[in-house]
Amino acid sequence: MDATPLWVPLVVAGLAVLGTLAGVLVTQRWSDRREAIAWAREQERWAREDEARTFEHRREAYIEFYAAVKALARTAYDHGYGFTKEEELPEGWQSNAFDKLHRLEFYADRPVASAASAAYGAAWSWGVHGKYDDPDDPEFHERQQKYHDAELEMLVLMRASLSIPDVNPMLPPPGYSYES
């Protein structure tokens, strides 16, 4: 009779158990690595989505404020030329632009927020300190020029902040002219 010693099946069984455990550990490690890579990709995707959403909010805040400050300046202009029916500016004439400025300040970087605040202040000052139906007043044109300069600086900074390319960023937008 050919008898296999008892220790041989025990060693074979032990090797099988160790092989199974090693396989499970290797498989688990690969699974953990794949999951970590997938999780990192997911976090990167979320970060890109957050960045894109913030950019979109910034863009909207810039556009809304730009339109509101242009309307504020238009009101000042109309008041100074007497195009309005009332000699006094209407109550809350600056409120819309002021509200938009606060939203812009939340999303803008410091240079844009500062330039926007200066443009708002120049437009507000132009309207508040302007005389009704007196466009020949030299201070009217000084305030108007101060607003135009502040608006141009704000616009250049906004476009740069939004990565909007310009052929020559120092050229004024349409409707502006530099005095020689």
N, C-alpha and C. Protein backbone atom coordinates (compact mmCIF):
# COMPACT_ATOMS: atom_id res chain seq x y z
N MET A 1 0.78 -1.16 0.00
CA MET A 1 0.00 0.00 0.00
C MET A 1 0.85 1.25 0.00
N ASP A 2 0.44 2.05 -0.89
CA ASP A 2 1.18 3.29 -1.03
C ASP A 2 0.48 4.35 -0.20
N ALA A 3 1.05 4.77 0.83
CA ALA A 3 0.41 5.74 1.72
C ALA A 3 1.10 7.09 1.59
N THR A 4 0.28 8.07 1.41
CA THR A 4 0.80 9.44 1.36
C THR A 4 0.89 9.94 2.79
N PRO A 5 2.02 10.50 3.13
CA PRO A 5 2.11 11.00 4.49
C PRO A 5 1.05 12.08 4.74
N LEU A 6 0.63 12.22 5.94
CA LEU A 6 -0.43 13.13 6.33
C LEU A 6 -0.05 14.59 6.10
N TRP A 7 1.16 14.89 6.20
CA TRP A 7 1.57 16.29 6.07
C TRP A 7 1.47 16.81 4.64
N VAL A 8 1.52 15.94 3.62
CA VAL A 8 1.44 16.39 2.23
C VAL A 8 0.07 16.98 1.93
N PRO A 9 -1.05 16.30 2.22
CA PRO A 9 -2.34 16.94 1.96
C PRO A 9 -2.53 18.21 2.78
N LEU A 10 -1.99 18.21 3.99
CA LEU A 10 -2.12 19.42 4.82
C LEU A 10 -1.34 20.58 4.19
N VAL A 11 -0.18 20.31 3.68
CA VAL A 11 0.61 21.36 3.02
C VAL A 11 -0.11 21.84 1.76
N VAL A 12 -0.63 20.90 0.98
CA VAL A 12 -1.36 21.27 -0.25
C VAL A 12 -2.59 22.11 0.11
N ALA A 13 -3.31 21.69 1.12
CA ALA A 13 -4.49 22.44 1.56
C ALA A 13 -4.09 23.82 2.06
N GLY A 14 -3.00 23.89 2.79
CA GLY A 14 -2.51 25.18 3.31
C GLY A 14 -2.10 26.10 2.17
N LEU A 15 -1.41 25.53 1.16
CA LEU A 15 -1.01 26.34 0.00
C LEU A 15 -2.25 26.83 -0.76
N ALA A 16 -3.26 26.00 -0.85
CA ALA A 16 -4.50 26.41 -1.53
C ALA A 16 -5.16 27.56 -0.79
N VAL A 17 -5.20 27.47 0.53
CA VAL A 17 -5.80 28.54 1.33
C VAL A 17 -4.97 29.81 1.18
N LEU A 18 -3.65 29.70 1.26
CA LEU A 18 -2.79 30.87 1.09
C LEU A 18 -2.92 31.46 -0.32
N GLY A 19 -3.01 30.64 -1.32
CA GLY A 19 -3.19 31.11 -2.69
C GLY A 19 -4.51 31.85 -2.85
N THR A 20 -5.56 31.30 -2.24
CA THR A 20 -6.87 31.95 -2.30
C THR A 20 -6.83 33.30 -1.59
N LEU A 21 -6.24 33.34 -0.41
CA LEU A 21 -6.12 34.61 0.33
C LEU A 21 -5.29 35.62 -0.45
N ALA A 22 -4.19 35.18 -1.03
CA ALA A 22 -3.36 36.09 -1.82
C ALA A 22 -4.14 36.62 -3.02
N GLY A 23 -4.90 35.76 -3.68
CA GLY A 23 -5.72 36.18 -4.82
C GLY A 23 -6.77 37.20 -4.40
N VAL A 24 -7.40 36.94 -3.25
CA VAL A 24 -8.42 37.87 -2.75
C VAL A 24 -7.78 39.22 -2.44
N LEU A 25 -6.62 39.21 -1.79
CA LEU A 25 -5.94 40.45 -1.43
C LEU A 25 -5.52 41.24 -2.68
N VAL A 26 -4.96 40.55 -3.66
CA VAL A 26 -4.55 41.22 -4.89
C VAL A 26 -5.77 41.80 -5.61
N THR A 27 -6.82 41.02 -5.71
CA THR A 27 -8.05 41.48 -6.36
C THR A 27 -8.64 42.69 -5.63
N GLN A 28 -8.65 42.62 -4.30
CA GLN A 28 -9.18 43.73 -3.50
C GLN A 28 -8.33 44.98 -3.70
N ARG A 29 -7.03 44.82 -3.76
CA ARG A 29 -6.13 45.96 -3.95
C ARG A 29 -6.37 46.60 -5.32
N TRP A 30 -6.50 45.79 -6.35
CA TRP A 30 -6.80 46.31 -7.68
C TRP A 30 -8.14 47.05 -7.69
N SER A 31 -9.12 46.45 -7.03
CA SER A 31 -10.45 47.06 -6.95
C SER A 31 -10.37 48.40 -6.22
N ASP A 32 -9.64 48.44 -5.11
CA ASP A 32 -9.49 49.70 -4.37
C ASP A 32 -8.79 50.76 -5.22
N ARG A 33 -7.77 50.35 -5.97
CA ARG A 33 -7.05 51.29 -6.82
C ARG A 33 -7.97 51.83 -7.91
N ARG A 34 -8.74 50.95 -8.56
CA ARG A 34 -9.69 51.40 -9.60
C ARG A 34 -10.72 52.35 -9.00
N GLU A 35 -11.21 52.02 -7.82
CA GLU A 35 -12.21 52.88 -7.17
C GLU A 35 -11.61 54.23 -6.80
N ALA A 36 -10.36 54.25 -6.32
CA ALA A 36 -9.70 55.51 -5.98
C ALA A 36 -9.51 56.37 -7.22
N ILE A 37 -9.13 55.76 -8.32
CA ILE A 37 -8.96 56.50 -9.57
C ILE A 37 -10.30 57.04 -10.06
N ALA A 38 -11.34 56.21 -9.99
CA ALA A 38 -12.68 56.65 -10.40
C ALA A 38 -13.17 57.79 -9.51
N TRP A 39 -12.91 57.69 -8.22
CA TRP A 39 -13.33 58.74 -7.27
C TRP A 39 -12.58 60.05 -7.57
N ALA A 40 -11.29 59.95 -7.84
CA ALA A 40 -10.50 61.15 -8.18
C ALA A 40 -11.03 61.80 -9.46
N ARG A 41 -11.36 60.98 -10.46
CA ARG A 41 -11.93 61.53 -11.69
C ARG A 41 -13.26 62.22 -11.43
N GLU A 42 -14.06 61.61 -10.58
CA GLU A 42 -15.37 62.19 -10.25
C GLU A 42 -15.20 63.53 -9.54
N GLN A 43 -14.25 63.60 -8.62
CA GLN A 43 -13.99 64.86 -7.93
C GLN A 43 -13.48 65.93 -8.90
N GLU A 44 -12.61 65.53 -9.82
CA GLU A 44 -12.14 66.47 -10.83
C GLU A 44 -13.29 66.97 -11.69
N ARG A 45 -14.19 66.07 -12.05
CA ARG A 45 -15.35 66.46 -12.86
C ARG A 45 -16.22 67.44 -12.10
N TRP A 46 -16.46 67.17 -10.81
CA TRP A 46 -17.26 68.08 -9.98
C TRP A 46 -16.58 69.44 -9.87
N ALA A 47 -15.25 69.44 -9.70
CA ALA A 47 -14.52 70.70 -9.61
C ALA A 47 -14.65 71.50 -10.92
N ARG A 48 -14.54 70.81 -12.06
CA ARG A 48 -14.70 71.50 -13.35
C ARG A 48 -16.12 72.05 -13.50
N GLU A 49 -17.11 71.27 -13.08
CA GLU A 49 -18.50 71.74 -13.16
C GLU A 49 -18.71 72.95 -12.26
N ASP A 50 -18.15 72.91 -11.05
CA ASP A 50 -18.27 74.05 -10.13
C ASP A 50 -17.59 75.29 -10.72
N GLU A 51 -16.42 75.09 -11.31
CA GLU A 51 -15.70 76.20 -11.93
C GLU A 51 -16.49 76.77 -13.10
N ALA A 52 -17.06 75.92 -13.90
CA ALA A 52 -17.86 76.38 -15.04
C ALA A 52 -19.11 77.12 -14.56
N ARG A 53 -19.74 76.61 -13.52
CA ARG A 53 -20.94 77.26 -12.98
C ARG A 53 -20.58 78.63 -12.40
N THR A 54 -19.46 78.71 -11.68
CA THR A 54 -19.03 79.99 -11.12
C THR A 54 -18.69 80.97 -12.23
N PHE A 55 -18.03 80.50 -13.28
CA PHE A 55 -17.72 81.36 -14.41
C PHE A 55 -19.00 81.91 -15.03
N GLU A 56 -19.99 81.05 -15.18
CA GLU A 56 -21.26 81.48 -15.77
C GLU A 56 -21.95 82.53 -14.88
N HIS A 57 -21.91 82.33 -13.57
CA HIS A 57 -22.49 83.31 -12.65
C HIS A 57 -21.73 84.64 -12.74
N ARG A 58 -20.41 84.56 -12.84
CA ARG A 58 -19.58 85.76 -12.96
C ARG A 58 -19.94 86.49 -14.25
N ARG A 59 -20.03 85.75 -15.35
CA ARG A 59 -20.35 86.36 -16.64
C ARG A 59 -21.71 87.06 -16.58
N GLU A 60 -22.69 86.38 -16.01
CA GLU A 60 -24.03 86.98 -15.88
C GLU A 60 -24.00 88.23 -15.01
N ALA A 61 -23.27 88.17 -13.90
CA ALA A 61 -23.18 89.33 -13.00
C ALA A 61 -22.53 90.51 -13.72
N TYR A 62 -21.49 90.24 -14.51
CA TYR A 62 -20.83 91.32 -15.25
C TYR A 62 -21.78 91.94 -16.27
N ILE A 63 -22.46 91.10 -17.02
CA ILE A 63 -23.36 91.61 -18.06
C ILE A 63 -24.51 92.39 -17.44
N GLU A 64 -25.11 91.84 -16.39
CA GLU A 64 -26.23 92.54 -15.75
C GLU A 64 -25.80 93.88 -15.17
N PHE A 65 -24.63 93.91 -14.53
CA PHE A 65 -24.17 95.17 -13.97
C PHE A 65 -23.83 96.16 -15.08
N TYR A 66 -23.17 95.69 -16.11
CA TYR A 66 -22.80 96.57 -17.21
C TYR A 66 -24.05 97.23 -17.81
N ALA A 67 -25.09 96.44 -18.03
CA ALA A 67 -26.33 97.01 -18.57
C ALA A 67 -26.96 97.99 -17.57
N ALA A 68 -26.93 97.66 -16.29
CA ALA A 68 -27.54 98.52 -15.27
C ALA A 68 -26.77 99.84 -15.13
N VAL A 69 -25.44 99.79 -15.17
CA VAL A 69 -24.67 101.03 -15.02
C VAL A 69 -24.81 101.88 -16.28
N LYS A 70 -24.96 101.24 -17.45
CA LYS A 70 -25.22 102.00 -18.68
C LYS A 70 -26.57 102.72 -18.58
N ALA A 71 -27.57 102.03 -18.03
CA ALA A 71 -28.89 102.66 -17.84
C ALA A 71 -28.80 103.81 -16.84
N LEU A 72 -28.01 103.62 -15.80
CA LEU A 72 -27.81 104.68 -14.81
C LEU A 72 -27.18 105.90 -15.47
N ALA A 73 -26.18 105.68 -16.30
CA ALA A 73 -25.52 106.78 -17.00
C ALA A 73 -26.48 107.44 -17.99
N ARG A 74 -27.29 106.62 -18.62
CA ARG A 74 -28.27 107.18 -19.57
C ARG A 74 -29.27 108.09 -18.85
N THR A 75 -29.67 107.68 -17.66
CA THR A 75 -30.57 108.51 -16.86
C THR A 75 -29.89 109.84 -16.51
N ALA A 76 -28.62 109.78 -16.12
CA ALA A 76 -27.88 111.01 -15.81
C ALA A 76 -27.77 111.91 -17.05
N TYR A 77 -27.49 111.30 -18.18
CA TYR A 77 -27.39 112.05 -19.44
C TYR A 77 -28.73 112.70 -19.79
N ASP A 78 -29.79 111.90 -19.75
CA ASP A 78 -31.12 112.43 -20.07
C ASP A 78 -31.53 113.56 -19.13
N HIS A 79 -31.19 113.41 -17.86
CA HIS A 79 -31.51 114.44 -16.86
C HIS A 79 -30.75 115.73 -17.19
N GLY A 80 -29.46 115.61 -17.50
CA GLY A 80 -28.65 116.79 -17.80
C GLY A 80 -29.08 117.51 -19.07
N TYR A 81 -29.60 116.76 -20.03
CA TYR A 81 -30.07 117.37 -21.27
C TYR A 81 -31.55 117.75 -21.21
N GLY A 82 -32.21 117.45 -20.11
CA GLY A 82 -33.62 117.80 -19.96
C GLY A 82 -34.56 116.91 -20.74
N PHE A 83 -34.14 115.68 -21.04
CA PHE A 83 -34.99 114.75 -21.77
C PHE A 83 -36.02 114.08 -20.88
N THR A 84 -35.94 114.28 -19.60
CA THR A 84 -36.90 113.68 -18.67
C THR A 84 -38.00 114.70 -18.38
N LYS A 85 -39.14 114.22 -17.95
CA LYS A 85 -40.27 115.10 -17.67
C LYS A 85 -40.10 115.83 -16.34
N GLU A 86 -39.48 115.14 -15.39
CA GLU A 86 -39.32 115.71 -14.06
C GLU A 86 -37.94 116.37 -13.93
N GLU A 87 -37.90 117.47 -13.15
CA GLU A 87 -36.63 118.13 -12.93
C GLU A 87 -35.77 117.39 -11.91
N GLU A 88 -36.40 116.59 -11.09
CA GLU A 88 -35.67 115.79 -10.10
C GLU A 88 -35.55 114.36 -10.61
N LEU A 89 -34.46 113.72 -10.26
CA LEU A 89 -34.32 112.31 -10.62
C LEU A 89 -35.34 111.49 -9.83
N PRO A 90 -35.89 110.46 -10.42
CA PRO A 90 -36.91 109.67 -9.72
C PRO A 90 -36.32 108.96 -8.50
N GLU A 91 -37.16 108.75 -7.52
CA GLU A 91 -36.76 108.04 -6.30
C GLU A 91 -36.25 106.64 -6.67
N GLY A 92 -35.09 106.28 -6.15
CA GLY A 92 -34.53 104.95 -6.40
C GLY A 92 -33.97 104.75 -7.79
N TRP A 93 -33.65 105.83 -8.48
CA TRP A 93 -33.16 105.73 -9.85
C TRP A 93 -31.87 104.92 -9.95
N GLN A 94 -31.13 104.83 -8.88
CA GLN A 94 -29.86 104.13 -8.88
C GLN A 94 -29.95 102.73 -8.28
N SER A 95 -31.11 102.33 -7.78
CA SER A 95 -31.25 101.08 -7.02
C SER A 95 -30.89 99.83 -7.83
N ASN A 96 -31.34 99.76 -9.06
CA ASN A 96 -31.08 98.56 -9.86
C ASN A 96 -29.57 98.35 -10.05
N ALA A 97 -28.87 99.41 -10.42
CA ALA A 97 -27.42 99.29 -10.61
C ALA A 97 -26.72 98.98 -9.29
N PHE A 98 -27.20 99.56 -8.20
CA PHE A 98 -26.60 99.30 -6.89
C PHE A 98 -26.75 97.84 -6.50
N ASP A 99 -27.94 97.27 -6.73
CA ASP A 99 -28.17 95.85 -6.44
C ASP A 99 -27.28 94.96 -7.31
N LYS A 100 -27.16 95.30 -8.57
CA LYS A 100 -26.32 94.51 -9.48
C LYS A 100 -24.84 94.61 -9.10
N LEU A 101 -24.44 95.77 -8.57
CA LEU A 101 -23.07 95.95 -8.13
C LEU A 101 -22.75 94.99 -6.98
N HIS A 102 -23.68 94.82 -6.06
CA HIS A 102 -23.44 93.90 -4.94
C HIS A 102 -23.29 92.46 -5.43
N ARG A 103 -24.07 92.06 -6.38
CA ARG A 103 -23.94 90.70 -6.93
C ARG A 103 -22.60 90.55 -7.64
N LEU A 104 -22.23 91.57 -8.41
CA LEU A 104 -20.95 91.53 -9.12
C LEU A 104 -19.80 91.42 -8.12
N GLU A 105 -19.86 92.18 -7.03
CA GLU A 105 -18.78 92.15 -6.05
C GLU A 105 -18.58 90.75 -5.47
N PHE A 106 -19.63 89.97 -5.42
CA PHE A 106 -19.52 88.60 -4.91
C PHE A 106 -18.69 87.72 -5.84
N TYR A 107 -18.86 87.88 -7.14
CA TYR A 107 -18.21 86.99 -8.12
C TYR A 107 -16.93 87.56 -8.72
N ALA A 108 -16.74 88.86 -8.68
CA ALA A 108 -15.61 89.48 -9.38
C ALA A 108 -14.33 89.42 -8.55
N ASP A 109 -13.22 89.50 -9.27
CA ASP A 109 -11.94 89.65 -8.56
C ASP A 109 -11.82 91.12 -8.13
N ARG A 110 -10.83 91.42 -7.31
CA ARG A 110 -10.72 92.77 -6.74
C ARG A 110 -10.59 93.88 -7.79
N PRO A 111 -9.75 93.72 -8.80
CA PRO A 111 -9.65 94.82 -9.78
C PRO A 111 -10.98 95.10 -10.49
N VAL A 112 -11.71 94.06 -10.86
CA VAL A 112 -13.00 94.27 -11.54
C VAL A 112 -14.01 94.89 -10.57
N ALA A 113 -14.06 94.39 -9.35
CA ALA A 113 -15.01 94.93 -8.36
C ALA A 113 -14.71 96.40 -8.09
N SER A 114 -13.43 96.74 -7.99
CA SER A 114 -13.05 98.13 -7.75
C SER A 114 -13.41 99.02 -8.94
N ALA A 115 -13.14 98.54 -10.15
CA ALA A 115 -13.48 99.31 -11.35
C ALA A 115 -14.99 99.46 -11.50
N ALA A 116 -15.74 98.42 -11.17
CA ALA A 116 -17.20 98.49 -11.25
C ALA A 116 -17.74 99.49 -10.25
N SER A 117 -17.18 99.47 -9.06
CA SER A 117 -17.61 100.43 -8.03
C SER A 117 -17.29 101.86 -8.47
N ALA A 118 -16.14 102.06 -9.09
CA ALA A 118 -15.78 103.39 -9.59
C ALA A 118 -16.72 103.83 -10.70
N ALA A 119 -17.08 102.92 -11.60
CA ALA A 119 -18.00 103.26 -12.69
C ALA A 119 -19.38 103.60 -12.13
N TYR A 120 -19.83 102.81 -11.15
CA TYR A 120 -21.12 103.10 -10.52
C TYR A 120 -21.07 104.48 -9.87
N GLY A 121 -20.00 104.73 -9.10
CA GLY A 121 -19.87 106.02 -8.41
C GLY A 121 -19.84 107.19 -9.37
N ALA A 122 -19.15 107.02 -10.49
CA ALA A 122 -19.07 108.10 -11.48
C ALA A 122 -20.43 108.36 -12.12
N ALA A 123 -21.16 107.30 -12.45
CA ALA A 123 -22.50 107.47 -13.05
C ALA A 123 -23.46 108.09 -12.05
N TRP A 124 -23.40 107.62 -10.81
CA TRP A 124 -24.27 108.17 -9.77
C TRP A 124 -23.97 109.65 -9.55
N SER A 125 -22.68 109.98 -9.44
CA SER A 125 -22.28 111.37 -9.22
C SER A 125 -22.69 112.26 -10.39
N TRP A 126 -22.57 111.74 -11.59
CA TRP A 126 -22.96 112.47 -12.79
C TRP A 126 -24.45 112.84 -12.71
N GLY A 127 -25.26 111.90 -12.27
CA GLY A 127 -26.69 112.17 -12.18
C GLY A 127 -27.07 113.05 -11.01
N VAL A 128 -26.53 112.74 -9.84
CA VAL A 128 -26.91 113.46 -8.62
C VAL A 128 -26.46 114.91 -8.66
N HIS A 129 -25.26 115.15 -9.16
CA HIS A 129 -24.70 116.50 -9.14
C HIS A 129 -24.98 117.27 -10.43
N GLY A 130 -25.60 116.62 -11.39
CA GLY A 130 -25.91 117.30 -12.65
C GLY A 130 -27.12 118.21 -12.51
N LYS A 131 -27.09 119.28 -13.26
CA LYS A 131 -28.22 120.22 -13.26
C LYS A 131 -29.18 119.82 -14.36
N TYR A 132 -30.45 119.94 -14.06
CA TYR A 132 -31.49 119.57 -15.02
C TYR A 132 -31.44 120.52 -16.22
N ASP A 133 -31.45 119.93 -17.42
CA ASP A 133 -31.51 120.66 -18.68
C ASP A 133 -30.42 121.73 -18.80
N ASP A 134 -29.20 121.36 -18.42
CA ASP A 134 -28.08 122.29 -18.53
C ASP A 134 -26.85 121.55 -19.06
N PRO A 135 -26.90 121.11 -20.33
CA PRO A 135 -25.76 120.37 -20.88
C PRO A 135 -24.54 121.25 -21.15
N ASP A 136 -24.70 122.57 -21.06
CA ASP A 136 -23.56 123.47 -21.28
C ASP A 136 -22.73 123.64 -20.02
N ASP A 137 -23.20 123.13 -18.91
CA ASP A 137 -22.46 123.19 -17.65
C ASP A 137 -21.15 122.40 -17.81
N PRO A 138 -19.99 123.05 -17.62
CA PRO A 138 -18.72 122.33 -17.81
C PRO A 138 -18.57 121.14 -16.86
N GLU A 139 -19.15 121.24 -15.67
CA GLU A 139 -19.07 120.11 -14.74
C GLU A 139 -19.84 118.90 -15.25
N PHE A 140 -20.89 119.14 -16.03
CA PHE A 140 -21.64 118.04 -16.63
C PHE A 140 -20.72 117.20 -17.51
N HIS A 141 -19.94 117.86 -18.34
CA HIS A 141 -19.06 117.15 -19.25
C HIS A 141 -17.86 116.54 -18.53
N GLU A 142 -17.41 117.18 -17.46
CA GLU A 142 -16.32 116.60 -16.66
C GLU A 142 -16.79 115.29 -16.01
N ARG A 143 -18.00 115.31 -15.45
CA ARG A 143 -18.55 114.09 -14.83
C ARG A 143 -18.82 113.02 -15.88
N GLN A 144 -19.30 113.46 -17.04
CA GLN A 144 -19.55 112.52 -18.13
C GLN A 144 -18.24 111.84 -18.54
N GLN A 145 -17.18 112.63 -18.68
CA GLN A 145 -15.89 112.05 -19.07
C GLN A 145 -15.35 111.14 -17.98
N LYS A 146 -15.54 111.53 -16.73
CA LYS A 146 -15.10 110.68 -15.62
C LYS A 146 -15.83 109.33 -15.67
N TYR A 147 -17.13 109.38 -15.95
CA TYR A 147 -17.88 108.13 -16.08
C TYR A 147 -17.36 107.30 -17.26
N HIS A 148 -17.17 107.93 -18.42
CA HIS A 148 -16.70 107.19 -19.60
C HIS A 148 -15.35 106.53 -19.34
N ASP A 149 -14.45 107.24 -18.67
CA ASP A 149 -13.14 106.68 -18.36
C ASP A 149 -13.28 105.48 -17.41
N ALA A 150 -14.11 105.64 -16.39
CA ALA A 150 -14.32 104.55 -15.42
C ALA A 150 -14.99 103.36 -16.09
N GLU A 151 -15.95 103.62 -16.95
CA GLU A 151 -16.65 102.54 -17.64
C GLU A 151 -15.70 101.78 -18.56
N LEU A 152 -14.85 102.51 -19.27
CA LEU A 152 -13.89 101.86 -20.18
C LEU A 152 -12.91 100.98 -19.40
N GLU A 153 -12.40 101.50 -18.28
CA GLU A 153 -11.50 100.69 -17.46
C GLU A 153 -12.20 99.43 -16.96
N MET A 154 -13.45 99.59 -16.50
CA MET A 154 -14.22 98.45 -16.02
C MET A 154 -14.44 97.43 -17.14
N LEU A 155 -14.79 97.90 -18.31
CA LEU A 155 -15.06 97.00 -19.43
C LEU A 155 -13.80 96.23 -19.83
N VAL A 156 -12.67 96.90 -19.88
CA VAL A 156 -11.41 96.23 -20.24
C VAL A 156 -11.09 95.15 -19.21
N LEU A 157 -11.25 95.47 -17.91
CA LEU A 157 -10.96 94.48 -16.86
C LEU A 157 -11.96 93.33 -16.88
N MET A 158 -13.22 93.62 -17.13
CA MET A 158 -14.22 92.56 -17.21
C MET A 158 -13.90 91.59 -18.35
N ARG A 159 -13.58 92.15 -19.50
CA ARG A 159 -13.27 91.29 -20.66
C ARG A 159 -12.03 90.45 -20.38
N ALA A 160 -11.04 91.03 -19.75
CA ALA A 160 -9.83 90.27 -19.41
C ALA A 160 -10.15 89.17 -18.40
N SER A 161 -10.99 89.49 -17.42
CA SER A 161 -11.37 88.51 -16.40
C SER A 161 -12.14 87.33 -17.01
N LEU A 162 -12.89 87.60 -18.05
CA LEU A 162 -13.65 86.55 -18.72
C LEU A 162 -12.87 85.91 -19.86
N SER A 163 -11.62 86.30 -20.02
CA SER A 163 -10.73 85.76 -21.07
C SER A 163 -11.30 86.01 -22.47
N ILE A 164 -11.89 87.17 -22.66
CA ILE A 164 -12.39 87.56 -23.98
C ILE A 164 -11.25 88.27 -24.70
N PRO A 165 -10.78 87.71 -25.80
CA PRO A 165 -9.63 88.31 -26.48
C PRO A 165 -9.99 89.64 -27.13
N ASP A 166 -9.02 90.51 -27.16
CA ASP A 166 -9.18 91.81 -27.80
C ASP A 166 -7.98 92.02 -28.72
N VAL A 167 -8.22 92.58 -29.87
CA VAL A 167 -7.11 92.86 -30.77
C VAL A 167 -6.19 93.87 -30.09
N ASN A 168 -6.76 94.95 -29.62
CA ASN A 168 -6.02 95.95 -28.87
C ASN A 168 -6.92 96.39 -27.72
N PRO A 169 -6.63 95.94 -26.51
CA PRO A 169 -7.53 96.24 -25.40
C PRO A 169 -7.61 97.72 -25.05
N MET A 170 -6.71 98.54 -25.56
CA MET A 170 -6.76 99.95 -25.24
C MET A 170 -7.61 100.74 -26.23
N LEU A 171 -8.09 100.09 -27.28
CA LEU A 171 -9.03 100.76 -28.17
C LEU A 171 -10.36 100.89 -27.47
N PRO A 172 -11.00 102.03 -27.61
CA PRO A 172 -12.30 102.18 -26.95
C PRO A 172 -13.37 101.37 -27.66
N PRO A 173 -14.39 100.96 -26.91
CA PRO A 173 -15.50 100.26 -27.56
C PRO A 173 -16.24 101.19 -28.51
N PRO A 174 -17.08 100.65 -29.36
CA PRO A 174 -17.83 101.51 -30.29
C PRO A 174 -18.62 102.57 -29.53
N GLY A 175 -18.65 103.77 -30.09
CA GLY A 175 -19.40 104.85 -29.46
C GLY A 175 -18.51 105.75 -28.63
N TYR A 176 -17.27 105.37 -28.40
CA TYR A 176 -16.35 106.19 -27.61
C TYR A 176 -15.36 106.87 -28.53
N SER A 177 -14.84 107.96 -28.07
CA SER A 177 -13.76 108.61 -28.80
C SER A 177 -12.81 109.23 -27.79
N TYR A 178 -11.56 109.13 -28.08
CA TYR A 178 -10.57 109.77 -27.23
C TYR A 178 -10.36 111.19 -27.70
N GLU A 179 -10.21 112.09 -26.74
CA GLU A 179 -9.92 113.47 -27.12
C GLU A 179 -8.42 113.58 -27.34
N SER A 180 -8.04 114.28 -28.38
CA SER A 180 -6.61 114.43 -28.69
C SER A 180 -5.99 115.53 -27.89
